[in-house]
Amino acid sequence: MSHSDRDCHYRWPAWIAICDAGGLTRSMSTKGCSPENSAMEGFFGRPRNEFYYHHGWKGITYEEFEKRLDTYMICYNETRIKKSLS
């Protein structure tokens, strides 16, 4: 899924083609409805803070980055303790 908060790229033909080629479903927030956007911001904000920021990525290949991100996402989805669910 690819989410947009009503940015112009949502309807850009090249972006639509990229999403279609990748099998992605496009999602867009309702105008003036911040709760829809906050769920996506919350989801993407956590990996940025826990995984991406404050790490030295210099010299890391795309393949290595992808492998590390995959490992992080598996941990995030399958083994991470989620306080909101307890």
PDB file of N, CA and C in Angstrom:
ATOM      1  N   MET A   1       0.842  -1.171   0.000  1.00  0.00           N
ATOM      2  CA  MET A   1       0.000   0.000   0.000  1.00  0.00           C
ATOM      3  C   MET A   1       0.887   1.234   0.000  1.00  0.00           C
ATOM      4  N   SER A   2       0.465   2.233  -0.708  1.00  0.00           N
ATOM      5  CA  SER A   2       1.132   3.532  -0.732  1.00  0.00           C
ATOM      6  C   SER A   2       0.119   4.566  -0.277  1.00  0.00           C
ATOM      7  N   HIS A   3       0.486   5.366   0.737  1.00  0.00           N
ATOM      8  CA  HIS A   3      -0.453   6.328   1.305  1.00  0.00           C
ATOM      9  C   HIS A   3       0.002   7.758   1.027  1.00  0.00           C
ATOM     10  N   SER A   4      -0.947   8.618   0.730  1.00  0.00           N
ATOM     11  CA  SER A   4      -0.670  10.024   0.473  1.00  0.00           C
ATOM     12  C   SER A   4      -1.619  10.882   1.294  1.00  0.00           C
ATOM     13  N   ASP A   5      -1.142  12.034   1.705  1.00  0.00           N
ATOM     14  CA  ASP A   5      -2.030  12.971   2.394  1.00  0.00           C
ATOM     15  C   ASP A   5      -2.458  14.066   1.416  1.00  0.00           C
ATOM     16  N   ARG A   6      -2.967  13.625   0.283  1.00  0.00           N
ATOM     17  CA  ARG A   6      -3.532  14.469  -0.768  1.00  0.00           C
ATOM     18  C   ARG A   6      -2.479  15.261  -1.531  1.00  0.00           C
ATOM     19  N   ASP A   7      -1.275  14.751  -1.615  1.00  0.00           N
ATOM     20  CA  ASP A   7      -0.240  15.406  -2.415  1.00  0.00           C
ATOM     21  C   ASP A   7      -0.516  15.194  -3.901  1.00  0.00           C
ATOM     22  N   CYS A   8       0.105  16.016  -4.730  1.00  0.00           N
ATOM     23  CA  CYS A   8      -0.165  15.988  -6.167  1.00  0.00           C
ATOM     24  C   CYS A   8       0.267  14.676  -6.820  1.00  0.00           C
ATOM     25  N   HIS A   9       1.248  13.982  -6.250  1.00  0.00           N
ATOM     26  CA  HIS A   9       1.718  12.759  -6.896  1.00  0.00           C
ATOM     27  C   HIS A   9       0.664  11.653  -6.886  1.00  0.00           C
ATOM     28  N   TYR A  10      -0.346  11.760  -6.032  1.00  0.00           N
ATOM     29  CA  TYR A  10      -1.364  10.713  -5.942  1.00  0.00           C
ATOM     30  C   TYR A  10      -2.036  10.466  -7.300  1.00  0.00           C
ATOM     31  N   ARG A  11      -2.257  11.536  -8.065  1.00  0.00           N
ATOM     32  CA  ARG A  11      -2.917  11.416  -9.365  1.00  0.00           C
ATOM     33  C   ARG A  11      -1.949  11.538 -10.539  1.00  0.00           C
ATOM     34  N   TRP A  12      -0.666  11.607 -10.292  1.00  0.00           N
ATOM     35  CA  TRP A  12       0.343  11.733 -11.340  1.00  0.00           C
ATOM     36  C   TRP A  12       0.416  10.414 -12.109  1.00  0.00           C
ATOM     37  N   PRO A  13       0.211  10.429 -13.423  1.00  0.00           N
ATOM     38  CA  PRO A  13       0.165   9.186 -14.200  1.00  0.00           C
ATOM     39  C   PRO A  13       1.393   8.280 -14.023  1.00  0.00           C
ATOM     40  N   ALA A  14       2.577   8.861 -13.924  1.00  0.00           N
ATOM     41  CA  ALA A  14       3.775   8.029 -13.740  1.00  0.00           C
ATOM     42  C   ALA A  14       3.742   7.325 -12.380  1.00  0.00           C
ATOM     43  N   TRP A  15       3.253   7.999 -11.349  1.00  0.00           N
ATOM     44  CA  TRP A  15       3.158   7.387 -10.014  1.00  0.00           C
ATOM     45  C   TRP A  15       2.118   6.264 -10.015  1.00  0.00           C
ATOM     46  N   ILE A  16       1.010   6.492 -10.692  1.00  0.00           N
ATOM     47  CA  ILE A  16      -0.016   5.458 -10.812  1.00  0.00           C
ATOM     48  C   ILE A  16       0.570   4.228 -11.500  1.00  0.00           C
ATOM     49  N   ALA A  17       1.354   4.435 -12.562  1.00  0.00           N
ATOM     50  CA  ALA A  17       1.979   3.322 -13.277  1.00  0.00           C
ATOM     51  C   ALA A  17       2.967   2.565 -12.381  1.00  0.00           C
ATOM     52  N   ILE A  18       3.737   3.296 -11.574  1.00  0.00           N
ATOM     53  CA  ILE A  18       4.689   2.661 -10.649  1.00  0.00           C
ATOM     54  C   ILE A  18       3.933   1.800  -9.639  1.00  0.00           C
ATOM     55  N   CYS A  19       2.868   2.341  -9.079  1.00  0.00           N
ATOM     56  CA  CYS A  19       2.071   1.578  -8.112  1.00  0.00           C
ATOM     57  C   CYS A  19       1.458   0.343  -8.763  1.00  0.00           C
ATOM     58  N   ASP A  20       0.903   0.515  -9.958  1.00  0.00           N
ATOM     59  CA  ASP A  20       0.294  -0.620 -10.660  1.00  0.00           C
ATOM     60  C   ASP A  20       1.333  -1.695 -10.962  1.00  0.00           C
ATOM     61  N   ALA A  21       2.515  -1.276 -11.417  1.00  0.00           N
ATOM     62  CA  ALA A  21       3.576  -2.235 -11.746  1.00  0.00           C
ATOM     63  C   ALA A  21       4.051  -2.988 -10.509  1.00  0.00           C
ATOM     64  N   GLY A  22       4.031  -2.325  -9.353  1.00  0.00           N
ATOM     65  CA  GLY A  22       4.468  -2.948  -8.115  1.00  0.00           C
ATOM     66  C   GLY A  22       3.361  -3.659  -7.359  1.00  0.00           C
ATOM     67  N   GLY A  23       2.152  -3.636  -7.905  1.00  0.00           N
ATOM     68  CA  GLY A  23       1.022  -4.278  -7.239  1.00  0.00           C
ATOM     69  C   GLY A  23       0.584  -3.550  -5.981  1.00  0.00           C
ATOM     70  N   LEU A  24       0.835  -2.231  -5.925  1.00  0.00           N
ATOM     71  CA  LEU A  24       0.479  -1.438  -4.744  1.00  0.00           C
ATOM     72  C   LEU A  24      -0.913  -0.838  -4.875  1.00  0.00           C
ATOM     73  N   THR A  25      -1.615  -0.768  -3.771  1.00  0.00           N
ATOM     74  CA  THR A  25      -2.891  -0.084  -3.708  1.00  0.00           C
ATOM     75  C   THR A  25      -2.632   1.324  -3.203  1.00  0.00           C
ATOM     76  N   ARG A  26      -3.154   2.321  -3.905  1.00  0.00           N
ATOM     77  CA  ARG A  26      -2.966   3.700  -3.468  1.00  0.00           C
ATOM     78  C   ARG A  26      -4.048   4.065  -2.459  1.00  0.00           C
ATOM     79  N   SER A  27      -3.658   4.807  -1.437  1.00  0.00           N
ATOM     80  CA  SER A  27      -4.567   5.244  -0.389  1.00  0.00           C
ATOM     81  C   SER A  27      -4.370   6.732  -0.179  1.00  0.00           C
ATOM     82  N   MET A  28      -5.455   7.455   0.056  1.00  0.00           N
ATOM     83  CA  MET A  28      -5.339   8.893   0.266  1.00  0.00           C
ATOM     84  C   MET A  28      -6.261   9.313   1.400  1.00  0.00           C
ATOM     85  N   SER A  29      -5.780  10.223   2.213  1.00  0.00           N
ATOM     86  CA  SER A  29      -6.584  10.757   3.314  1.00  0.00           C
ATOM     87  C   SER A  29      -7.758  11.558   2.777  1.00  0.00           C
ATOM     88  N   THR A  30      -8.833  11.541   3.525  1.00  0.00           N
ATOM     89  CA  THR A  30      -9.974  12.397   3.230  1.00  0.00           C
ATOM     90  C   THR A  30      -9.576  13.831   3.563  1.00  0.00           C
ATOM     91  N   LYS A  31     -10.021  14.765   2.761  1.00  0.00           N
ATOM     92  CA  LYS A  31      -9.682  16.162   2.995  1.00  0.00           C
ATOM     93  C   LYS A  31     -10.092  16.584   4.398  1.00  0.00           C
ATOM     94  N   GLY A  32      -9.151  17.111   5.150  1.00  0.00           N
ATOM     95  CA  GLY A  32      -9.420  17.607   6.490  1.00  0.00           C
ATOM     96  C   GLY A  32      -9.600  16.519   7.540  1.00  0.00           C
ATOM     97  N   CYS A  33      -9.210  15.288   7.205  1.00  0.00           N
ATOM     98  CA  CYS A  33      -9.395  14.181   8.154  1.00  0.00           C
ATOM     99  C   CYS A  33      -8.030  13.690   8.630  1.00  0.00           C
ATOM    100  N   SER A  34      -7.511  14.331   9.661  1.00  0.00           N
ATOM    101  CA  SER A  34      -6.164  13.985  10.131  1.00  0.00           C
ATOM    102  C   SER A  34      -6.044  12.606  10.768  1.00  0.00           C
ATOM    103  N   PRO A  35      -7.098  12.004  11.353  1.00  0.00           N
ATOM    104  CA  PRO A  35      -6.909  10.665  11.921  1.00  0.00           C
ATOM    105  C   PRO A  35      -6.443   9.630  10.903  1.00  0.00           C
ATOM    106  N   GLU A  36      -6.920   9.742   9.652  1.00  0.00           N
ATOM    107  CA  GLU A  36      -6.478   8.805   8.629  1.00  0.00           C
ATOM    108  C   GLU A  36      -4.979   8.947   8.398  1.00  0.00           C
ATOM    109  N   ASN A  37      -4.514  10.172   8.325  1.00  0.00           N
ATOM    110  CA  ASN A  37      -3.100  10.409   8.063  1.00  0.00           C
ATOM    111  C   ASN A  37      -2.254  10.073   9.287  1.00  0.00           C
ATOM    112  N   SER A  38      -2.767  10.291  10.476  1.00  0.00           N
ATOM    113  CA  SER A  38      -1.966  10.061  11.679  1.00  0.00           C
ATOM    114  C   SER A  38      -1.635   8.576  11.857  1.00  0.00           C
ATOM    115  N   ALA A  39      -2.526   7.689  11.434  1.00  0.00           N
ATOM    116  CA  ALA A  39      -2.223   6.254  11.531  1.00  0.00           C
ATOM    117  C   ALA A  39      -1.016   5.901  10.669  1.00  0.00           C
ATOM    118  N   MET A  40      -0.963   6.433   9.471  1.00  0.00           N
ATOM    119  CA  MET A  40       0.167   6.154   8.580  1.00  0.00           C
ATOM    120  C   MET A  40       1.433   6.848   9.087  1.00  0.00           C
ATOM    121  N   GLU A  41       1.304   8.081   9.553  1.00  0.00           N
ATOM    122  CA  GLU A  41       2.465   8.796  10.091  1.00  0.00           C
ATOM    123  C   GLU A  41       3.030   8.059  11.299  1.00  0.00           C
ATOM    124  N   GLY A  42       2.141   7.543  12.156  1.00  0.00           N
ATOM    125  CA  GLY A  42       2.592   6.789  13.322  1.00  0.00           C
ATOM    126  C   GLY A  42       3.315   5.526  12.929  1.00  0.00           C
ATOM    127  N   PHE A  43       2.782   4.823  11.933  1.00  0.00           N
ATOM    128  CA  PHE A  43       3.419   3.589  11.484  1.00  0.00           C
ATOM    129  C   PHE A  43       4.797   3.865  10.899  1.00  0.00           C
ATOM    130  N   PHE A  44       4.908   4.840  10.005  1.00  0.00           N
ATOM    131  CA  PHE A  44       6.191   5.109   9.357  1.00  0.00           C
ATOM    132  C   PHE A  44       7.161   5.857  10.262  1.00  0.00           C
ATOM    133  N   GLY A  45       6.646   6.576  11.244  1.00  0.00           N
ATOM    134  CA  GLY A  45       7.515   7.319  12.153  1.00  0.00           C
ATOM    135  C   GLY A  45       8.338   6.412  13.053  1.00  0.00           C
ATOM    136  N   ARG A  46       7.749   5.326  13.500  1.00  0.00           N
ATOM    137  CA  ARG A  46       8.457   4.410  14.404  1.00  0.00           C
ATOM    138  C   ARG A  46       9.669   3.772  13.728  1.00  0.00           C
ATOM    139  N   PRO A  47       9.542   3.181  12.536  1.00  0.00           N
ATOM    140  CA  PRO A  47      10.751   2.640  11.886  1.00  0.00           C
ATOM    141  C   PRO A  47      11.803   3.709  11.603  1.00  0.00           C
ATOM    142  N   ARG A  48      11.357   4.912  11.248  1.00  0.00           N
ATOM    143  CA  ARG A  48      12.347   5.979  11.014  1.00  0.00           C
ATOM    144  C   ARG A  48      13.154   6.238  12.274  1.00  0.00           C
ATOM    145  N   ASN A  49      12.460   6.324  13.422  1.00  0.00           N
ATOM    146  CA  ASN A  49      13.155   6.619  14.678  1.00  0.00           C
ATOM    147  C   ASN A  49      13.949   5.427  15.205  1.00  0.00           C
ATOM    148  N   GLU A  50      13.405   4.242  15.132  1.00  0.00           N
ATOM    149  CA  GLU A  50      14.067   3.067  15.704  1.00  0.00           C
ATOM    150  C   GLU A  50      15.090   2.436  14.773  1.00  0.00           C
ATOM    151  N   PHE A  51      14.826   2.469  13.480  1.00  0.00           N
ATOM    152  CA  PHE A  51      15.675   1.746  12.541  1.00  0.00           C
ATOM    153  C   PHE A  51      16.589   2.664  11.728  1.00  0.00           C
ATOM    154  N   TYR A  52      16.048   3.728  11.181  1.00  0.00           N
ATOM    155  CA  TYR A  52      16.799   4.515  10.203  1.00  0.00           C
ATOM    156  C   TYR A  52      17.684   5.606  10.815  1.00  0.00           C
ATOM    157  N   TYR A  53      17.076   6.472  11.621  1.00  0.00           N
ATOM    158  CA  TYR A  53      17.848   7.590  12.182  1.00  0.00           C
ATOM    159  C   TYR A  53      18.919   7.081  13.142  1.00  0.00           C
ATOM    160  N   HIS A  54      19.982   7.829  13.258  1.00  0.00           N
ATOM    161  CA  HIS A  54      21.069   7.572  14.207  1.00  0.00           C
ATOM    162  C   HIS A  54      21.860   6.300  13.899  1.00  0.00           C
ATOM    163  N   HIS A  55      21.777   5.813  12.667  1.00  0.00           N
ATOM    164  CA  HIS A  55      22.594   4.677  12.249  1.00  0.00           C
ATOM    165  C   HIS A  55      23.498   5.144  11.114  1.00  0.00           C
ATOM    166  N   GLY A  56      24.688   4.638  11.093  1.00  0.00           N
ATOM    167  CA  GLY A  56      25.598   4.979  10.011  1.00  0.00           C
ATOM    168  C   GLY A  56      25.328   4.100   8.801  1.00  0.00           C
ATOM    169  N   TRP A  57      24.795   4.670   7.748  1.00  0.00           N
ATOM    170  CA  TRP A  57      24.457   3.903   6.558  1.00  0.00           C
ATOM    171  C   TRP A  57      25.497   4.046   5.461  1.00  0.00           C
ATOM    172  N   LYS A  58      26.527   4.830   5.729  1.00  0.00           N
ATOM    173  CA  LYS A  58      27.565   5.030   4.716  1.00  0.00           C
ATOM    174  C   LYS A  58      28.248   3.697   4.417  1.00  0.00           C
ATOM    175  N   GLY A  59      28.383   3.365   3.140  1.00  0.00           N
ATOM    176  CA  GLY A  59      29.035   2.133   2.730  1.00  0.00           C
ATOM    177  C   GLY A  59      28.126   0.917   2.709  1.00  0.00           C
ATOM    178  N   ILE A  60      26.871   1.093   3.124  1.00  0.00           N
ATOM    179  CA  ILE A  60      25.924  -0.021   3.121  1.00  0.00           C
ATOM    180  C   ILE A  60      25.266  -0.082   1.740  1.00  0.00           C
ATOM    181  N   THR A  61      25.272  -1.252   1.126  1.00  0.00           N
ATOM    182  CA  THR A  61      24.646  -1.402  -0.183  1.00  0.00           C
ATOM    183  C   THR A  61      23.132  -1.424  -0.040  1.00  0.00           C
ATOM    184  N   TYR A  62      22.470  -1.219  -1.147  1.00  0.00           N
ATOM    185  CA  TYR A  62      21.009  -1.283  -1.135  1.00  0.00           C
ATOM    186  C   TYR A  62      20.543  -2.667  -0.682  1.00  0.00           C
ATOM    187  N   GLU A  63      21.211  -3.704  -1.164  1.00  0.00           N
ATOM    188  CA  GLU A  63      20.837  -5.071  -0.814  1.00  0.00           C
ATOM    189  C   GLU A  63      20.977  -5.314   0.696  1.00  0.00           C
ATOM    190  N   GLU A  64      22.055  -4.802   1.293  1.00  0.00           N
ATOM    191  CA  GLU A  64      22.262  -4.948   2.741  1.00  0.00           C
ATOM    192  C   GLU A  64      21.214  -4.148   3.513  1.00  0.00           C
ATOM    193  N   PHE A  65      20.937  -2.933   3.056  1.00  0.00           N
ATOM    194  CA  PHE A  65      19.907  -2.112   3.696  1.00  0.00           C
ATOM    195  C   PHE A  65      18.562  -2.828   3.643  1.00  0.00           C
ATOM    196  N   GLU A  66      18.235  -3.373   2.476  1.00  0.00           N
ATOM    197  CA  GLU A  66      16.960  -4.079   2.306  1.00  0.00           C
ATOM    198  C   GLU A  66      16.870  -5.286   3.242  1.00  0.00           C
ATOM    199  N   LYS A  67      17.977  -6.009   3.384  1.00  0.00           N
ATOM    200  CA  LYS A  67      18.010  -7.172   4.271  1.00  0.00           C
ATOM    201  C   LYS A  67      17.805  -6.747   5.728  1.00  0.00           C
ATOM    202  N   ARG A  68      18.471  -5.663   6.133  1.00  0.00           N
ATOM    203  CA  ARG A  68      18.319  -5.176   7.510  1.00  0.00           C
ATOM    204  C   ARG A  68      16.902  -4.665   7.776  1.00  0.00           C
ATOM    205  N   LEU A  69      16.347  -3.967   6.789  1.00  0.00           N
ATOM    206  CA  LEU A  69      14.979  -3.464   6.933  1.00  0.00           C
ATOM    207  C   LEU A  69      13.995  -4.630   7.020  1.00  0.00           C
ATOM    208  N   ASP A  70      14.187  -5.652   6.215  1.00  0.00           N
ATOM    209  CA  ASP A  70      13.329  -6.824   6.256  1.00  0.00           C
ATOM    210  C   ASP A  70      13.386  -7.484   7.636  1.00  0.00           C
ATOM    211  N   THR A  71      14.585  -7.613   8.186  1.00  0.00           N
ATOM    212  CA  THR A  71      14.758  -8.195   9.524  1.00  0.00           C
ATOM    213  C   THR A  71      14.036  -7.344  10.564  1.00  0.00           C
ATOM    214  N   TYR A  72      14.177  -6.018  10.466  1.00  0.00           N
ATOM    215  CA  TYR A  72      13.498  -5.117  11.398  1.00  0.00           C
ATOM    216  C   TYR A  72      11.979  -5.279  11.295  1.00  0.00           C
ATOM    217  N   MET A  73      11.445  -5.326  10.072  1.00  0.00           N
ATOM    218  CA  MET A  73       9.999  -5.408   9.890  1.00  0.00           C
ATOM    219  C   MET A  73       9.444  -6.739  10.399  1.00  0.00           C
ATOM    220  N   ILE A  74      10.188  -7.821  10.232  1.00  0.00           N
ATOM    221  CA  ILE A  74       9.746  -9.112  10.767  1.00  0.00           C
ATOM    222  C   ILE A  74       9.674  -9.030  12.286  1.00  0.00           C
ATOM    223  N   CYS A  75      10.700  -8.454  12.895  1.00  0.00           N
ATOM    224  CA  CYS A  75      10.689  -8.269  14.351  1.00  0.00           C
ATOM    225  C   CYS A  75       9.539  -7.357  14.763  1.00  0.00           C
ATOM    226  N   TYR A  76       9.345  -6.270  14.043  1.00  0.00           N
ATOM    227  CA  TYR A  76       8.284  -5.305  14.346  1.00  0.00           C
ATOM    228  C   TYR A  76       6.917  -5.985  14.310  1.00  0.00           C
ATOM    229  N   ASN A  77       6.690  -6.805  13.310  1.00  0.00           N
ATOM    230  CA  ASN A  77       5.375  -7.431  13.124  1.00  0.00           C
ATOM    231  C   ASN A  77       5.154  -8.690  13.951  1.00  0.00           C
ATOM    232  N   GLU A  78       6.215  -9.440  14.237  1.00  0.00           N
ATOM    233  CA  GLU A  78       6.023 -10.765  14.814  1.00  0.00           C
ATOM    234  C   GLU A  78       6.490 -10.923  16.266  1.00  0.00           C
ATOM    235  N   THR A  79       7.491 -10.173  16.692  1.00  0.00           N
ATOM    236  CA  THR A  79       8.017 -10.415  18.038  1.00  0.00           C
ATOM    237  C   THR A  79       7.997  -9.200  18.957  1.00  0.00           C
ATOM    238  N   ARG A  80       7.759  -8.048  18.425  1.00  0.00           N
ATOM    239  CA  ARG A  80       7.751  -6.814  19.207  1.00  0.00           C
ATOM    240  C   ARG A  80       6.576  -6.788  20.178  1.00  0.00           C
ATOM    241  N   ILE A  81       6.822  -6.383  21.397  1.00  0.00           N
ATOM    242  CA  ILE A  81       5.748  -6.237  22.375  1.00  0.00           C
ATOM    243  C   ILE A  81       4.995  -4.941  22.043  1.00  0.00           C
ATOM    244  N   LYS A  82       3.702  -5.065  21.877  1.00  0.00           N
ATOM    245  CA  LYS A  82       2.867  -3.925  21.524  1.00  0.00           C
ATOM    246  C   LYS A  82       2.013  -3.549  22.731  1.00  0.00           C
ATOM    247  N   LYS A  83       2.418  -2.497  23.422  1.00  0.00           N
ATOM    248  CA  LYS A  83       1.713  -2.087  24.635  1.00  0.00           C
ATOM    249  C   LYS A  83       0.251  -1.760  24.383  1.00  0.00           C
ATOM    250  N   SER A  84      -0.048  -1.253  23.179  1.00  0.00           N
ATOM    251  CA  SER A  84      -1.438  -0.887  22.890  1.00  0.00           C
ATOM    252  C   SER A  84      -2.340  -2.109  22.805  1.00  0.00           C
ATOM    253  N   LEU A  85      -1.768  -3.302  22.644  1.00  0.00           N
ATOM    254  CA  LEU A  85      -2.570  -4.521  22.537  1.00  0.00           C
ATOM    255  C   LEU A  85      -2.690  -5.257  23.865  1.00  0.00           C
ATOM    256  N   SER A  86      -1.990  -4.801  24.897  1.00  0.00           N
ATOM    257  CA  SER A  86      -2.033  -5.531  26.170  1.00  0.00           C
ATOM    258  C   SER A  86      -3.088  -4.986  27.092  1.00  0.00           C
TER     259      SER A  86
END
